[in-house]
């Protein structure tokens, strides 16, 4: 058994039995999640910043309005024209 698993078991031994049941359910969920991860497509595109992350979906006709869009949306939301 690896050192990390030994540490996990030691932590489990310190918990009350009713709390260990919760941990077991979490571990079961994680196990099923890990078994499904091979089916989930992985995005190979590396993004260094969140800025511009949706650029490929932008409507080119509206890009020039981006700087004013937030202010206009707030005016509409709060009724200040």
Protein backbone atom coordinates (compact mmCIF):
# COMPACT_ATOMS: atom_id res chain seq x y z
CA UNK A 1 0.00 0.00 0.00
CA UNK A 2 1.29 3.44 -0.86
CA UNK A 3 2.09 6.05 1.75
CA UNK A 4 -0.80 8.28 0.65
CA UNK A 5 -3.32 5.43 1.04
CA UNK A 6 -1.91 4.68 4.48
CA UNK A 7 -2.46 8.32 5.44
CA UNK A 8 -6.04 8.15 4.11
CA UNK A 9 -6.77 5.05 6.18
CA UNK A 10 -5.32 6.68 9.29
CA UNK A 11 -7.60 9.68 8.74
CA UNK A 12 -10.60 7.40 8.29
CA UNK A 13 -9.81 5.62 11.55
CA UNK A 14 -10.01 8.94 13.39
CA UNK A 15 -13.52 9.72 12.10
CA UNK A 16 -16.71 8.55 13.84
CA UNK A 17 -18.49 5.71 12.04
CA UNK A 18 -21.46 7.83 10.98
CA UNK A 19 -19.10 10.24 9.20
CA UNK A 20 -17.18 7.40 7.51
CA UNK A 21 -20.39 6.43 5.70
CA UNK A 22 -20.39 9.86 4.06
CA UNK A 23 -16.75 9.46 3.04
CA UNK A 24 -17.50 6.05 1.51
CA UNK A 25 -20.31 7.54 -0.58
CA UNK A 26 -17.99 10.30 -1.77
CA UNK A 27 -15.31 7.75 -2.69
CA UNK A 28 -17.86 5.67 -4.63
CA UNK A 29 -18.92 8.76 -6.56
CA UNK A 30 -15.31 9.65 -7.30
CA UNK A 31 -14.59 6.12 -8.48
CA UNK A 32 -17.48 6.22 -10.93
CA UNK A 33 -16.42 9.70 -12.06
CA UNK A 34 -12.86 8.54 -12.72
CA UNK A 35 -14.10 5.54 -14.68
CA UNK A 36 -16.09 7.89 -16.92
CA UNK A 37 -13.29 10.37 -17.55
CA UNK A 38 -11.91 8.36 -20.45
CA UNK A 39 -15.18 8.98 -22.31
CA UNK A 40 -15.20 12.75 -21.76
CA UNK A 41 -13.56 14.68 -24.60
CA UNK A 42 -10.65 16.78 -23.42
CA UNK A 43 -10.17 20.30 -24.71
CA UNK A 44 -6.62 20.32 -26.06
CA UNK A 45 -6.61 24.09 -26.53
CA UNK A 46 -4.47 25.79 -23.89
CA UNK A 47 -5.77 29.13 -22.71
CA UNK A 48 -3.38 31.45 -20.93
CA UNK A 49 -6.08 33.94 -19.99
CA UNK A 50 -9.85 34.11 -19.75
CA UNK A 51 -9.79 37.30 -21.77
CA UNK A 52 -10.86 36.57 -25.32
CA UNK A 53 -11.78 32.97 -24.57
CA UNK A 54 -15.10 33.30 -26.45
CA UNK A 55 -13.71 35.37 -29.31
CA UNK A 56 -14.36 32.61 -31.85
CA UNK A 57 -18.10 32.85 -31.07
CA UNK A 58 -18.30 36.62 -31.41
CA UNK A 59 -20.52 38.24 -33.99
CA UNK A 60 -18.09 40.36 -36.06
CA UNK A 61 -20.84 42.91 -36.74
CA UNK A 62 -21.19 43.63 -33.01
CA UNK A 63 -17.54 43.61 -31.87
CA UNK A 64 -17.29 47.40 -32.20
CA UNK A 65 -20.09 47.76 -29.61
CA UNK A 66 -18.41 45.65 -26.92
CA UNK A 67 -16.95 48.52 -24.92
CA UNK A 68 -20.33 50.19 -24.45
CA UNK A 69 -22.40 47.00 -24.11
CA UNK A 70 -22.02 46.57 -20.33
CA UNK A 71 -22.91 50.16 -19.60
CA UNK A 72 -25.93 50.01 -21.88
CA UNK A 73 -27.11 46.77 -20.28
CA UNK A 74 -26.89 48.34 -16.83
CA UNK A 75 -28.82 51.40 -17.99
CA UNK A 76 -31.58 49.16 -19.35
CA UNK A 77 -31.63 47.02 -16.21
CA UNK A 78 -31.90 49.95 -13.83
CA UNK A 79 -34.07 52.12 -16.06
CA UNK A 80 -31.58 54.97 -16.39
CA UNK A 81 -31.67 56.21 -19.97
